[in-house]
Amino acid sequence: MHLINRFGVLLLALPCFCWFGVAVIRARKTHSESRLLLWPSILAAQVRAAGFLIIGTLFAASLLLVWVLRAFPNSADEYGYIYEAETLLAGRLWNPLPPHSEFFTFLHIFEKDGKWVREYPPGW
């Protein structure tokens, strides 16, 4: 799983580095003519490259955030659904309480008669 995460980050970061490299190369390209005459075109190229870099970075960051948050339960209900799914997948209707269960309490998952159960019935 960690290999997939690192590969995904590399895959998202690669275009940003490429765009940065293109911006640096374009900024360094100058002719033997007077540099004073080339200022407007150099500035325009740098502004364009900076704009592409910013847009590319924001796009990569938004893709990364969506990718990361898909694997993260965002509410107590989602934790409850995942708990219930894993419990039913294991072939049980409840889980036994772990030692020192007072440290593991969570919203929508109750401790009752030595069992851990979800607040809502399956399929709610």
PDB file of N, CA and C in Angstrom:
ATOM      1  N   MET A   1       0.829  -1.201   0.000  1.00  0.00           N
ATOM      2  CA  MET A   1       0.000   0.000   0.000  1.00  0.00           C
ATOM      3  C   MET A   1       0.870   1.261   0.000  1.00  0.00           C
ATOM      4  N   HIS A   2       1.982   1.241   0.776  1.00  0.00           N
ATOM      5  CA  HIS A   2       2.845   2.414   0.818  1.00  0.00           C
ATOM      6  C   HIS A   2       3.525   2.642  -0.526  1.00  0.00           C
ATOM      7  N   LEU A   3       3.837   1.559  -1.241  1.00  0.00           N
ATOM      8  CA  LEU A   3       4.450   1.695  -2.556  1.00  0.00           C
ATOM      9  C   LEU A   3       3.502   2.392  -3.522  1.00  0.00           C
ATOM     10  N   ILE A   4       2.216   2.047  -3.443  1.00  0.00           N
ATOM     11  CA  ILE A   4       1.217   2.687  -4.303  1.00  0.00           C
ATOM     12  C   ILE A   4       1.107   4.165  -3.957  1.00  0.00           C
ATOM     13  N   ASN A   5       1.116   4.503  -2.667  1.00  0.00           N
ATOM     14  CA  ASN A   5       1.011   5.900  -2.259  1.00  0.00           C
ATOM     15  C   ASN A   5       2.214   6.698  -2.747  1.00  0.00           C
ATOM     16  N   ARG A   6       3.429   6.127  -2.617  1.00  0.00           N
ATOM     17  CA  ARG A   6       4.620   6.843  -3.066  1.00  0.00           C
ATOM     18  C   ARG A   6       4.617   6.994  -4.581  1.00  0.00           C
ATOM     19  N   PHE A   7       4.194   5.964  -5.284  1.00  0.00           N
ATOM     20  CA  PHE A   7       4.130   6.045  -6.743  1.00  0.00           C
ATOM     21  C   PHE A   7       3.118   7.099  -7.164  1.00  0.00           C
ATOM     22  N   GLY A   8       1.981   7.169  -6.486  1.00  0.00           N
ATOM     23  CA  GLY A   8       0.971   8.168  -6.819  1.00  0.00           C
ATOM     24  C   GLY A   8       1.465   9.579  -6.592  1.00  0.00           C
ATOM     25  N   VAL A   9       2.172   9.803  -5.506  1.00  0.00           N
ATOM     26  CA  VAL A   9       2.719  11.133  -5.225  1.00  0.00           C
ATOM     27  C   VAL A   9       3.761  11.492  -6.279  1.00  0.00           C
ATOM     28  N   LEU A  10       4.600  10.522  -6.636  1.00  0.00           N
ATOM     29  CA  LEU A  10       5.601  10.761  -7.678  1.00  0.00           C
ATOM     30  C   LEU A  10       4.931  11.070  -9.010  1.00  0.00           C
ATOM     31  N   LEU A  11       3.875  10.341  -9.313  1.00  0.00           N
ATOM     32  CA  LEU A  11       3.155  10.548 -10.557  1.00  0.00           C
ATOM     33  C   LEU A  11       2.514  11.931 -10.609  1.00  0.00           C
ATOM     34  N   LEU A  12       2.043  12.419  -9.467  1.00  0.00           N
ATOM     35  CA  LEU A  12       1.440  13.750  -9.433  1.00  0.00           C
ATOM     36  C   LEU A  12       2.489  14.859  -9.399  1.00  0.00           C
ATOM     37  N   ALA A  13       3.650  14.599  -8.796  1.00  0.00           N
ATOM     38  CA  ALA A  13       4.678  15.628  -8.672  1.00  0.00           C
ATOM     39  C   ALA A  13       5.502  15.773  -9.947  1.00  0.00           C
ATOM     40  N   LEU A  14       5.576  14.728 -10.747  1.00  0.00           N
ATOM     41  CA  LEU A  14       6.402  14.753 -11.952  1.00  0.00           C
ATOM     42  C   LEU A  14       6.022  15.874 -12.925  1.00  0.00           C
ATOM     43  N   PRO A  15       4.738  16.082 -13.247  1.00  0.00           N
ATOM     44  CA  PRO A  15       4.407  17.195 -14.162  1.00  0.00           C
ATOM     45  C   PRO A  15       4.805  18.558 -13.611  1.00  0.00           C
ATOM     46  N   CYS A  16       4.712  18.733 -12.289  1.00  0.00           N
ATOM     47  CA  CYS A  16       5.102  20.018 -11.703  1.00  0.00           C
ATOM     48  C   CYS A  16       6.585  20.282 -11.913  1.00  0.00           C
ATOM     49  N   PHE A  17       7.403  19.257 -11.688  1.00  0.00           N
ATOM     50  CA  PHE A  17       8.839  19.427 -11.891  1.00  0.00           C
ATOM     51  C   PHE A  17       9.161  19.644 -13.362  1.00  0.00           C
ATOM     52  N   CYS A  18       8.439  18.965 -14.247  1.00  0.00           N
ATOM     53  CA  CYS A  18       8.667  19.166 -15.681  1.00  0.00           C
ATOM     54  C   CYS A  18       8.329  20.590 -16.091  1.00  0.00           C
ATOM     55  N   TRP A  19       7.192  21.094 -15.609  1.00  0.00           N
ATOM     56  CA  TRP A  19       6.804  22.462 -15.949  1.00  0.00           C
ATOM     57  C   TRP A  19       7.810  23.462 -15.391  1.00  0.00           C
ATOM     58  N   PHE A  20       8.323  23.190 -14.199  1.00  0.00           N
ATOM     59  CA  PHE A  20       9.320  24.078 -13.623  1.00  0.00           C
ATOM     60  C   PHE A  20      10.586  24.068 -14.479  1.00  0.00           C
ATOM     61  N   GLY A  21      10.999  22.889 -14.933  1.00  0.00           N
ATOM     62  CA  GLY A  21      12.183  22.782 -15.786  1.00  0.00           C
ATOM     63  C   GLY A  21      11.999  23.531 -17.088  1.00  0.00           C
ATOM     64  N   VAL A  22      10.821  23.402 -17.684  1.00  0.00           N
ATOM     65  CA  VAL A  22      10.544  24.130 -18.924  1.00  0.00           C
ATOM     66  C   VAL A  22      10.593  25.632 -18.679  1.00  0.00           C
ATOM     67  N   ALA A  23      10.067  26.062 -17.556  1.00  0.00           N
ATOM     68  CA  ALA A  23      10.087  27.499 -17.239  1.00  0.00           C
ATOM     69  C   ALA A  23      11.509  28.001 -17.085  1.00  0.00           C
ATOM     70  N   VAL A  24      12.358  27.226 -16.435  1.00  0.00           N
ATOM     71  CA  VAL A  24      13.757  27.641 -16.249  1.00  0.00           C
ATOM     72  C   VAL A  24      14.476  27.686 -17.592  1.00  0.00           C
ATOM     73  N   ILE A  25      14.269  26.666 -18.420  1.00  0.00           N
ATOM     74  CA  ILE A  25      14.933  26.636 -19.735  1.00  0.00           C
ATOM     75  C   ILE A  25      14.479  27.802 -20.596  1.00  0.00           C
ATOM     76  N   ARG A  26      13.182  28.071 -20.590  1.00  0.00           N
ATOM     77  CA  ARG A  26      12.675  29.177 -21.416  1.00  0.00           C
ATOM     78  C   ARG A  26      13.176  30.517 -20.905  1.00  0.00           C
ATOM     79  N   ALA A  27      13.341  30.630 -19.591  1.00  0.00           N
ATOM     80  CA  ALA A  27      13.826  31.894 -19.034  1.00  0.00           C
ATOM     81  C   ALA A  27      15.293  32.118 -19.382  1.00  0.00           C
ATOM     82  N   ARG A  28      16.054  31.057 -19.551  1.00  0.00           N
ATOM     83  CA  ARG A  28      17.488  31.188 -19.842  1.00  0.00           C
ATOM     84  C   ARG A  28      17.780  31.374 -21.324  1.00  0.00           C
ATOM     85  N   LYS A  29      16.824  31.068 -22.185  1.00  0.00           N
ATOM     86  CA  LYS A  29      17.058  31.209 -23.623  1.00  0.00           C
ATOM     87  C   LYS A  29      17.089  32.688 -23.982  1.00  0.00           C
ATOM     88  N   THR A  30      18.233  33.139 -24.400  1.00  0.00           N
ATOM     89  CA  THR A  30      18.355  34.513 -24.888  1.00  0.00           C
ATOM     90  C   THR A  30      19.255  34.494 -26.106  1.00  0.00           C
ATOM     91  N   HIS A  31      19.040  35.423 -26.967  1.00  0.00           N
ATOM     92  CA  HIS A  31      19.859  35.537 -28.174  1.00  0.00           C
ATOM     93  C   HIS A  31      21.009  36.498 -27.907  1.00  0.00           C
ATOM     94  N   SER A  32      21.860  36.624 -28.861  1.00  0.00           N
ATOM     95  CA  SER A  32      23.006  37.523 -28.697  1.00  0.00           C
ATOM     96  C   SER A  32      22.606  38.979 -28.904  1.00  0.00           C
ATOM     97  N   GLU A  33      21.336  39.239 -29.165  1.00  0.00           N
ATOM     98  CA  GLU A  33      20.879  40.621 -29.353  1.00  0.00           C
ATOM     99  C   GLU A  33      20.877  41.331 -28.001  1.00  0.00           C
ATOM    100  N   SER A  34      20.500  42.555 -28.049  1.00  0.00           N
ATOM    101  CA  SER A  34      20.435  43.344 -26.830  1.00  0.00           C
ATOM    102  C   SER A  34      19.374  42.762 -25.889  1.00  0.00           C
ATOM    103  N   ARG A  35      19.768  42.539 -24.669  1.00  0.00           N
ATOM    104  CA  ARG A  35      18.825  41.986 -23.688  1.00  0.00           C
ATOM    105  C   ARG A  35      17.749  42.988 -23.316  1.00  0.00           C
ATOM    106  N   LEU A  36      18.053  44.258 -23.464  1.00  0.00           N
ATOM    107  CA  LEU A  36      17.069  45.282 -23.150  1.00  0.00           C
ATOM    108  C   LEU A  36      15.869  45.183 -24.094  1.00  0.00           C
ATOM    109  N   LEU A  37      16.117  44.828 -25.376  1.00  0.00           N
ATOM    110  CA  LEU A  37      15.027  44.687 -26.335  1.00  0.00           C
ATOM    111  C   LEU A  37      14.216  43.417 -26.079  1.00  0.00           C
ATOM    112  N   LEU A  38      14.827  42.429 -25.419  1.00  0.00           N
ATOM    113  CA  LEU A  38      14.143  41.157 -25.183  1.00  0.00           C
ATOM    114  C   LEU A  38      13.386  41.116 -23.861  1.00  0.00           C
ATOM    115  N   TRP A  39      13.472  42.171 -23.049  1.00  0.00           N
ATOM    116  CA  TRP A  39      12.808  42.166 -21.745  1.00  0.00           C
ATOM    117  C   TRP A  39      11.321  41.843 -21.826  1.00  0.00           C
ATOM    118  N   PRO A  40      10.561  42.488 -22.697  1.00  0.00           N
ATOM    119  CA  PRO A  40       9.116  42.173 -22.721  1.00  0.00           C
ATOM    120  C   PRO A  40       8.828  40.700 -23.011  1.00  0.00           C
ATOM    121  N   SER A  41       9.546  40.128 -23.960  1.00  0.00           N
ATOM    122  CA  SER A  41       9.274  38.724 -24.289  1.00  0.00           C
ATOM    123  C   SER A  41       9.740  37.796 -23.171  1.00  0.00           C
ATOM    124  N   ILE A  42      10.867  38.133 -22.509  1.00  0.00           N
ATOM    125  CA  ILE A  42      11.348  37.315 -21.389  1.00  0.00           C
ATOM    126  C   ILE A  42      10.355  37.376 -20.239  1.00  0.00           C
ATOM    127  N   LEU A  43       9.874  38.577 -19.915  1.00  0.00           N
ATOM    128  CA  LEU A  43       8.895  38.717 -18.833  1.00  0.00           C
ATOM    129  C   LEU A  43       7.600  37.977 -19.163  1.00  0.00           C
ATOM    130  N   ALA A  44       7.160  38.082 -20.407  1.00  0.00           N
ATOM    131  CA  ALA A  44       5.930  37.392 -20.803  1.00  0.00           C
ATOM    132  C   ALA A  44       6.103  35.877 -20.677  1.00  0.00           C
ATOM    133  N   ALA A  45       7.255  35.366 -21.072  1.00  0.00           N
ATOM    134  CA  ALA A  45       7.512  33.927 -20.968  1.00  0.00           C
ATOM    135  C   ALA A  45       7.579  33.500 -19.514  1.00  0.00           C
ATOM    136  N   GLN A  46       8.199  34.311 -18.669  1.00  0.00           N
ATOM    137  CA  GLN A  46       8.288  33.968 -17.259  1.00  0.00           C
ATOM    138  C   GLN A  46       6.927  34.012 -16.587  1.00  0.00           C
ATOM    139  N   VAL A  47       6.124  34.996 -16.904  1.00  0.00           N
ATOM    140  CA  VAL A  47       4.780  35.095 -16.334  1.00  0.00           C
ATOM    141  C   VAL A  47       3.931  33.917 -16.798  1.00  0.00           C
ATOM    142  N   ARG A  48       4.037  33.574 -18.069  1.00  0.00           N
ATOM    143  CA  ARG A  48       3.291  32.438 -18.611  1.00  0.00           C
ATOM    144  C   ARG A  48       3.732  31.136 -17.932  1.00  0.00           C
ATOM    145  N   ALA A  49       5.045  30.950 -17.796  1.00  0.00           N
ATOM    146  CA  ALA A  49       5.571  29.745 -17.162  1.00  0.00           C
ATOM    147  C   ALA A  49       5.153  29.690 -15.687  1.00  0.00           C
ATOM    148  N   ALA A  50       5.204  30.829 -15.003  1.00  0.00           N
ATOM    149  CA  ALA A  50       4.783  30.864 -13.603  1.00  0.00           C
ATOM    150  C   ALA A  50       3.292  30.545 -13.480  1.00  0.00           C
ATOM    151  N   GLY A  51       2.502  31.053 -14.408  1.00  0.00           N
ATOM    152  CA  GLY A  51       1.067  30.744 -14.391  1.00  0.00           C
ATOM    153  C   GLY A  51       0.809  29.261 -14.599  1.00  0.00           C
ATOM    154  N   PHE A  52       1.511  28.668 -15.574  1.00  0.00           N
ATOM    155  CA  PHE A  52       1.366  27.225 -15.794  1.00  0.00           C
ATOM    156  C   PHE A  52       1.818  26.435 -14.568  1.00  0.00           C
ATOM    157  N   LEU A  53       2.896  26.878 -13.945  1.00  0.00           N
ATOM    158  CA  LEU A  53       3.401  26.196 -12.760  1.00  0.00           C
ATOM    159  C   LEU A  53       2.390  26.266 -11.614  1.00  0.00           C
ATOM    160  N   ILE A  54       1.811  27.420 -11.398  1.00  0.00           N
ATOM    161  CA  ILE A  54       0.828  27.575 -10.317  1.00  0.00           C
ATOM    162  C   ILE A  54      -0.413  26.746 -10.602  1.00  0.00           C
ATOM    163  N   ILE A  55      -0.916  26.823 -11.817  1.00  0.00           N
ATOM    164  CA  ILE A  55      -2.114  26.053 -12.175  1.00  0.00           C
ATOM    165  C   ILE A  55      -1.830  24.556 -12.084  1.00  0.00           C
ATOM    166  N   GLY A  56      -0.675  24.129 -12.571  1.00  0.00           N
ATOM    167  CA  GLY A  56      -0.322  22.711 -12.496  1.00  0.00           C
ATOM    168  C   GLY A  56      -0.174  22.225 -11.062  1.00  0.00           C
ATOM    169  N   THR A  57       0.438  23.051 -10.224  1.00  0.00           N
ATOM    170  CA  THR A  57       0.593  22.679  -8.820  1.00  0.00           C
ATOM    171  C   THR A  57      -0.754  22.589  -8.119  1.00  0.00           C
ATOM    172  N   LEU A  58      -1.634  23.536  -8.362  1.00  0.00           N
ATOM    173  CA  LEU A  58      -2.966  23.494  -7.748  1.00  0.00           C
ATOM    174  C   LEU A  58      -3.761  22.283  -8.234  1.00  0.00           C
ATOM    175  N   PHE A  59      -3.640  21.961  -9.514  1.00  0.00           N
ATOM    176  CA  PHE A  59      -4.332  20.792 -10.052  1.00  0.00           C
ATOM    177  C   PHE A  59      -3.800  19.505  -9.419  1.00  0.00           C
ATOM    178  N   ALA A  60      -2.477  19.393  -9.323  1.00  0.00           N
ATOM    179  CA  ALA A  60      -1.875  18.199  -8.714  1.00  0.00           C
ATOM    180  C   ALA A  60      -2.249  18.090  -7.241  1.00  0.00           C
ATOM    181  N   ALA A  61      -2.270  19.212  -6.530  1.00  0.00           N
ATOM    182  CA  ALA A  61      -2.634  19.199  -5.114  1.00  0.00           C
ATOM    183  C   ALA A  61      -4.098  18.790  -4.933  1.00  0.00           C
ATOM    184  N   SER A  62      -4.981  19.273  -5.802  1.00  0.00           N
ATOM    185  CA  SER A  62      -6.396  18.893  -5.676  1.00  0.00           C
ATOM    186  C   SER A  62      -6.590  17.408  -5.979  1.00  0.00           C
ATOM    187  N   LEU A  63      -5.874  16.879  -6.970  1.00  0.00           N
ATOM    188  CA  LEU A  63      -5.946  15.438  -7.231  1.00  0.00           C
ATOM    189  C   LEU A  63      -5.423  14.632  -6.052  1.00  0.00           C
ATOM    190  N   LEU A  64      -4.342  15.095  -5.460  1.00  0.00           N
ATOM    191  CA  LEU A  64      -3.761  14.404  -4.321  1.00  0.00           C
ATOM    192  C   LEU A  64      -4.724  14.413  -3.137  1.00  0.00           C
ATOM    193  N   LEU A  65      -5.364  15.550  -2.881  1.00  0.00           N
ATOM    194  CA  LEU A  65      -6.312  15.630  -1.768  1.00  0.00           C
ATOM    195  C   LEU A  65      -7.507  14.712  -1.984  1.00  0.00           C
ATOM    196  N   VAL A  66      -8.048  14.676  -3.185  1.00  0.00           N
ATOM    197  CA  VAL A  66      -9.166  13.786  -3.468  1.00  0.00           C
ATOM    198  C   VAL A  66      -8.737  12.341  -3.287  1.00  0.00           C
ATOM    199  N   TRP A  67      -7.547  12.009  -3.760  1.00  0.00           N
ATOM    200  CA  TRP A  67      -7.049  10.646  -3.663  1.00  0.00           C
ATOM    201  C   TRP A  67      -6.840  10.237  -2.203  1.00  0.00           C
ATOM    202  N   VAL A  68      -6.312  11.133  -1.379  1.00  0.00           N
ATOM    203  CA  VAL A  68      -6.067  10.827   0.028  1.00  0.00           C
ATOM    204  C   VAL A  68      -7.387  10.727   0.791  1.00  0.00           C
ATOM    205  N   LEU A  69      -8.309  11.648   0.553  1.00  0.00           N
ATOM    206  CA  LEU A  69      -9.543  11.673   1.338  1.00  0.00           C
ATOM    207  C   LEU A  69     -10.515  10.559   0.972  1.00  0.00           C
ATOM    208  N   ARG A  70     -10.340   9.919  -0.170  1.00  0.00           N
ATOM    209  CA  ARG A  70     -11.216   8.789  -0.497  1.00  0.00           C
ATOM    210  C   ARG A  70     -11.016   7.633   0.461  1.00  0.00           C
ATOM    211  N   ALA A  71      -9.813   7.466   0.982  1.00  0.00           N
ATOM    212  CA  ALA A  71      -9.504   6.358   1.881  1.00  0.00           C
ATOM    213  C   ALA A  71      -9.747   6.724   3.340  1.00  0.00           C
ATOM    214  N   PHE A  72     -10.221   7.916   3.618  1.00  0.00           N
ATOM    215  CA  PHE A  72     -10.385   8.383   4.990  1.00  0.00           C
ATOM    216  C   PHE A  72     -11.857   8.580   5.307  1.00  0.00           C
ATOM    217  N   PRO A  73     -12.385   7.874   6.314  1.00  0.00           N
ATOM    218  CA  PRO A  73     -13.785   8.107   6.703  1.00  0.00           C
ATOM    219  C   PRO A  73     -13.938   9.521   7.273  1.00  0.00           C
ATOM    220  N   ASN A  74     -14.869  10.268   6.747  1.00  0.00           N
ATOM    221  CA  ASN A  74     -14.983  11.678   7.112  1.00  0.00           C
ATOM    222  C   ASN A  74     -15.954  11.970   8.251  1.00  0.00           C
ATOM    223  N   SER A  75     -16.701  10.987   8.726  1.00  0.00           N
ATOM    224  CA  SER A  75     -17.647  11.242   9.807  1.00  0.00           C
ATOM    225  C   SER A  75     -17.770  10.009  10.685  1.00  0.00           C
ATOM    226  N   ALA A  76     -18.429  10.188  11.823  1.00  0.00           N
ATOM    227  CA  ALA A  76     -18.634   9.073  12.745  1.00  0.00           C
ATOM    228  C   ALA A  76     -19.536   8.014  12.111  1.00  0.00           C
ATOM    229  N   ASP A  77     -20.480   8.429  11.276  1.00  0.00           N
ATOM    230  CA  ASP A  77     -21.338   7.465  10.587  1.00  0.00           C
ATOM    231  C   ASP A  77     -20.505   6.543   9.698  1.00  0.00           C
ATOM    232  N   GLU A  78     -19.563   7.132   8.976  1.00  0.00           N
ATOM    233  CA  GLU A  78     -18.731   6.320   8.091  1.00  0.00           C
ATOM    234  C   GLU A  78     -17.869   5.339   8.886  1.00  0.00           C
ATOM    235  N   TYR A  79     -17.362   5.769  10.050  1.00  0.00           N
ATOM    236  CA  TYR A  79     -16.630   4.835  10.906  1.00  0.00           C
ATOM    237  C   TYR A  79     -17.537   3.694  11.341  1.00  0.00           C
ATOM    238  N   GLY A  80     -18.776   4.034  11.679  1.00  0.00           N
ATOM    239  CA  GLY A  80     -19.732   2.995  12.077  1.00  0.00           C
ATOM    240  C   GLY A  80     -20.005   2.016  10.947  1.00  0.00           C
ATOM    241  N   TYR A  81     -20.182   2.514   9.740  1.00  0.00           N
ATOM    242  CA  TYR A  81     -20.414   1.636   8.591  1.00  0.00           C
ATOM    243  C   TYR A  81     -19.220   0.713   8.345  1.00  0.00           C
ATOM    244  N   ILE A  82     -18.020   1.273   8.436  1.00  0.00           N
ATOM    245  CA  ILE A  82     -16.816   0.457   8.226  1.00  0.00           C
ATOM    246  C   ILE A  82     -16.685  -0.591   9.322  1.00  0.00           C
ATOM    247  N   TYR A  83     -16.956  -0.197  10.572  1.00  0.00           N
ATOM    248  CA  TYR A  83     -16.901  -1.157  11.679  1.00  0.00           C
ATOM    249  C   TYR A  83     -17.898  -2.292  11.450  1.00  0.00           C
ATOM    250  N   GLU A  84     -19.123  -1.949  11.076  1.00  0.00           N
ATOM    251  CA  GLU A  84     -20.145  -2.968  10.845  1.00  0.00           C
ATOM    252  C   GLU A  84     -19.769  -3.863   9.665  1.00  0.00           C
ATOM    253  N   ALA A  85     -19.248  -3.299   8.598  1.00  0.00           N
ATOM    254  CA  ALA A  85     -18.869  -4.093   7.432  1.00  0.00           C
ATOM    255  C   ALA A  85     -17.748  -5.066   7.777  1.00  0.00           C
ATOM    256  N   GLU A  86     -16.742  -4.593   8.522  1.00  0.00           N
ATOM    257  CA  GLU A  86     -15.647  -5.481   8.897  1.00  0.00           C
ATOM    258  C   GLU A  86     -16.109  -6.566   9.861  1.00  0.00           C
ATOM    259  N   THR A  87     -17.028  -6.229  10.750  1.00  0.00           N
ATOM    260  CA  THR A  87     -17.557  -7.228  11.690  1.00  0.00           C
ATOM    261  C   THR A  87     -18.352  -8.291  10.942  1.00  0.00           C
ATOM    262  N   LEU A  88     -19.234  -7.870  10.049  1.00  0.00           N
ATOM    263  CA  LEU A  88     -20.025  -8.837   9.282  1.00  0.00           C
ATOM    264  C   LEU A  88     -19.139  -9.644   8.333  1.00  0.00           C
ATOM    265  N   LEU A  89     -18.120  -9.026   7.773  1.00  0.00           N
ATOM    266  CA  LEU A  89     -17.198  -9.730   6.897  1.00  0.00           C
ATOM    267  C   LEU A  89     -16.446 -10.831   7.647  1.00  0.00           C
ATOM    268  N   ALA A  90     -16.198 -10.608   8.930  1.00  0.00           N
ATOM    269  CA  ALA A  90     -15.530 -11.609   9.761  1.00  0.00           C
ATOM    270  C   ALA A  90     -16.502 -12.704  10.207  1.00  0.00           C
ATOM    271  N   GLY A  91     -17.777 -12.591   9.848  1.00  0.00           N
ATOM    272  CA  GLY A  91     -18.765 -13.612  10.194  1.00  0.00           C
ATOM    273  C   GLY A  91     -19.330 -13.458  11.589  1.00  0.00           C
ATOM    274  N   ARG A  92     -19.286 -12.254  12.127  1.00  0.00           N
ATOM    275  CA  ARG A  92     -19.805 -12.004  13.478  1.00  0.00           C
ATOM    276  C   ARG A  92     -20.860 -10.903  13.424  1.00  0.00           C
ATOM    277  N   LEU A  93     -21.707 -10.874  14.451  1.00  0.00           N
ATOM    278  CA  LEU A  93     -22.666  -9.782  14.595  1.00  0.00           C
ATOM    279  C   LEU A  93     -22.163  -8.735  15.573  1.00  0.00           C
ATOM    280  N   TRP A  94     -21.174  -9.054  16.374  1.00  0.00           N
ATOM    281  CA  TRP A  94     -20.555  -8.138  17.312  1.00  0.00           C
ATOM    282  C   TRP A  94     -19.112  -8.567  17.523  1.00  0.00           C
ATOM    283  N   ASN A  95     -18.354  -7.685  18.128  1.00  0.00           N
ATOM    284  CA  ASN A  95     -16.968  -7.988  18.481  1.00  0.00           C
ATOM    285  C   ASN A  95     -16.843  -7.989  19.995  1.00  0.00           C
ATOM    286  N   PRO A  96     -15.964  -8.821  20.541  1.00  0.00           N
ATOM    287  CA  PRO A  96     -15.748  -8.771  21.986  1.00  0.00           C
ATOM    288  C   PRO A  96     -15.008  -7.488  22.358  1.00  0.00           C
ATOM    289  N   LEU A  97     -15.233  -7.039  23.584  1.00  0.00           N
ATOM    290  CA  LEU A  97     -14.553  -5.831  24.041  1.00  0.00           C
ATOM    291  C   LEU A  97     -13.061  -6.107  24.220  1.00  0.00           C
ATOM    292  N   PRO A  98     -12.217  -5.172  23.809  1.00  0.00           N
ATOM    293  CA  PRO A  98     -10.778  -5.337  24.065  1.00  0.00           C
ATOM    294  C   PRO A  98     -10.467  -4.984  25.521  1.00  0.00           C
ATOM    295  N   PRO A  99      -9.293  -5.365  26.002  1.00  0.00           N
ATOM    296  CA  PRO A  99      -8.929  -4.937  27.357  1.00  0.00           C
ATOM    297  C   PRO A  99      -8.860  -3.407  27.416  1.00  0.00           C
ATOM    298  N   HIS A 100      -9.254  -2.849  28.518  1.00  0.00           N
ATOM    299  CA  HIS A 100      -9.287  -1.387  28.720  1.00  0.00           C
ATOM    300  C   HIS A 100     -10.133  -0.716  27.636  1.00  0.00           C
ATOM    301  N   SER A 101     -11.314  -1.195  27.467  1.00  0.00           N
ATOM    302  CA  SER A 101     -12.175  -0.678  26.399  1.00  0.00           C
ATOM    303  C   SER A 101     -12.590   0.771  26.610  1.00  0.00           C
ATOM    304  N   GLU A 102     -12.418   1.299  27.799  1.00  0.00           N
ATOM    305  CA  GLU A 102     -12.792   2.700  28.036  1.00  0.00           C
ATOM    306  C   GLU A 102     -11.918   3.663  27.225  1.00  0.00           C
ATOM    307  N   PHE A 103     -10.766   3.192  26.764  1.00  0.00           N
ATOM    308  CA  PHE A 103      -9.885   4.034  25.946  1.00  0.00           C
ATOM    309  C   PHE A 103     -10.237   3.985  24.462  1.00  0.00           C
ATOM    310  N   PHE A 104     -11.163   3.092  24.092  1.00  0.00           N
ATOM    311  CA  PHE A 104     -11.476   2.900  22.684  1.00  0.00           C
ATOM    312  C   PHE A 104     -12.927   3.240  22.353  1.00  0.00           C
ATOM    313  N   THR A 105     -13.586   4.034  23.154  1.00  0.00           N
ATOM    314  CA  THR A 105     -14.979   4.374  22.868  1.00  0.00           C
ATOM    315  C   THR A 105     -15.048   5.269  21.638  1.00  0.00           C
ATOM    316  N   PHE A 106     -16.146   5.123  20.913  1.00  0.00           N
ATOM    317  CA  PHE A 106     -16.318   5.908  19.702  1.00  0.00           C
ATOM    318  C   PHE A 106     -17.804   6.155  19.490  1.00  0.00           C
ATOM    319  N   LEU A 107     -18.125   7.254  18.865  1.00  0.00           N
ATOM    320  CA  LEU A 107     -19.501   7.631  18.590  1.00  0.00           C
ATOM    321  C   LEU A 107     -20.147   6.613  17.652  1.00  0.00           C
ATOM    322  N   HIS A 108     -21.357   6.191  17.939  1.00  0.00           N
ATOM    323  CA  HIS A 108     -22.155   5.236  17.165  1.00  0.00           C
ATOM    324  C   HIS A 108     -21.699   3.787  17.324  1.00  0.00           C
ATOM    325  N   ILE A 109     -20.698   3.509  18.159  1.00  0.00           N
ATOM    326  CA  ILE A 109     -20.289   2.138  18.452  1.00  0.00           C
ATOM    327  C   ILE A 109     -20.346   1.994  19.963  1.00  0.00           C
ATOM    328  N   PHE A 110     -21.244   1.112  20.442  1.00  0.00           N
ATOM    329  CA  PHE A 110     -21.512   1.015  21.872  1.00  0.00           C
ATOM    330  C   PHE A 110     -20.940  -0.247  22.478  1.00  0.00           C
ATOM    331  N   GLU A 111     -20.711  -0.178  23.791  1.00  0.00           N
ATOM    332  CA  GLU A 111     -20.290  -1.335  24.575  1.00  0.00           C
ATOM    333  C   GLU A 111     -21.514  -1.813  25.354  1.00  0.00           C
ATOM    334  N   LYS A 112     -21.934  -3.046  25.102  1.00  0.00           N
ATOM    335  CA  LYS A 112     -23.136  -3.553  25.759  1.00  0.00           C
ATOM    336  C   LYS A 112     -22.940  -5.032  26.074  1.00  0.00           C
ATOM    337  N   ASP A 113     -23.068  -5.392  27.338  1.00  0.00           N
ATOM    338  CA  ASP A 113     -22.963  -6.776  27.798  1.00  0.00           C
ATOM    339  C   ASP A 113     -21.668  -7.442  27.333  1.00  0.00           C
ATOM    340  N   GLY A 114     -20.565  -6.742  27.426  1.00  0.00           N
ATOM    341  CA  GLY A 114     -19.279  -7.306  27.028  1.00  0.00           C
ATOM    342  C   GLY A 114     -19.089  -7.421  25.524  1.00  0.00           C
ATOM    343  N   LYS A 115     -19.909  -6.709  24.758  1.00  0.00           N
ATOM    344  CA  LYS A 115     -19.823  -6.772  23.292  1.00  0.00           C
ATOM    345  C   LYS A 115     -19.710  -5.359  22.736  1.00  0.00           C
ATOM    346  N   TRP A 116     -19.069  -5.279  21.611  1.00  0.00           N
ATOM    347  CA  TRP A 116     -19.035  -4.034  20.852  1.00  0.00           C
ATOM    348  C   TRP A 116     -20.070  -4.153  19.753  1.00  0.00           C
ATOM    349  N   VAL A 117     -21.031  -3.241  19.728  1.00  0.00           N
ATOM    350  CA  VAL A 117     -22.070  -3.264  18.698  1.00  0.00           C
ATOM    351  C   VAL A 117     -22.242  -1.860  18.125  1.00  0.00           C
ATOM    352  N   ARG A 118     -22.712  -1.816  16.918  1.00  0.00           N
ATOM    353  CA  ARG A 118     -22.993  -0.535  16.278  1.00  0.00           C
ATOM    354  C   ARG A 118     -24.366  -0.064  16.717  1.00  0.00           C
ATOM    355  N   GLU A 119     -24.562   1.227  16.719  1.00  0.00           N
ATOM    356  CA  GLU A 119     -25.820   1.811  17.196  1.00  0.00           C
ATOM    357  C   GLU A 119     -26.994   1.422  16.300  1.00  0.00           C
ATOM    358  N   TYR A 120     -26.788   1.402  15.020  1.00  0.00           N
ATOM    359  CA  TYR A 120     -27.880   1.161  14.077  1.00  0.00           C
ATOM    360  C   TYR A 120     -27.847  -0.274  13.576  1.00  0.00           C
ATOM    361  N   PRO A 121     -29.000  -0.810  13.199  1.00  0.00           N
ATOM    362  CA  PRO A 121     -29.018  -2.186  12.662  1.00  0.00           C
ATOM    363  C   PRO A 121     -28.390  -2.235  11.271  1.00  0.00           C
ATOM    364  N   PRO A 122     -28.013  -3.432  10.809  1.00  0.00           N
ATOM    365  CA  PRO A 122     -27.424  -3.550   9.477  1.00  0.00           C
ATOM    366  C   PRO A 122     -28.373  -3.049   8.391  1.00  0.00           C
ATOM    367  N   GLY A 123     -27.820  -2.347   7.427  1.00  0.00           N
ATOM    368  CA  GLY A 123     -28.616  -1.841   6.325  1.00  0.00           C
ATOM    369  C   GLY A 123     -29.354  -0.563   6.608  1.00  0.00           C
ATOM    370  N   TRP A 124     -29.100   0.081   7.732  1.00  0.00           N
ATOM    371  CA  TRP A 124     -29.807   1.310   8.099  1.00  0.00           C
ATOM    372  C   TRP A 124     -29.416   2.434   7.181  1.00  0.00           C
TER     373      TRP A 124
END
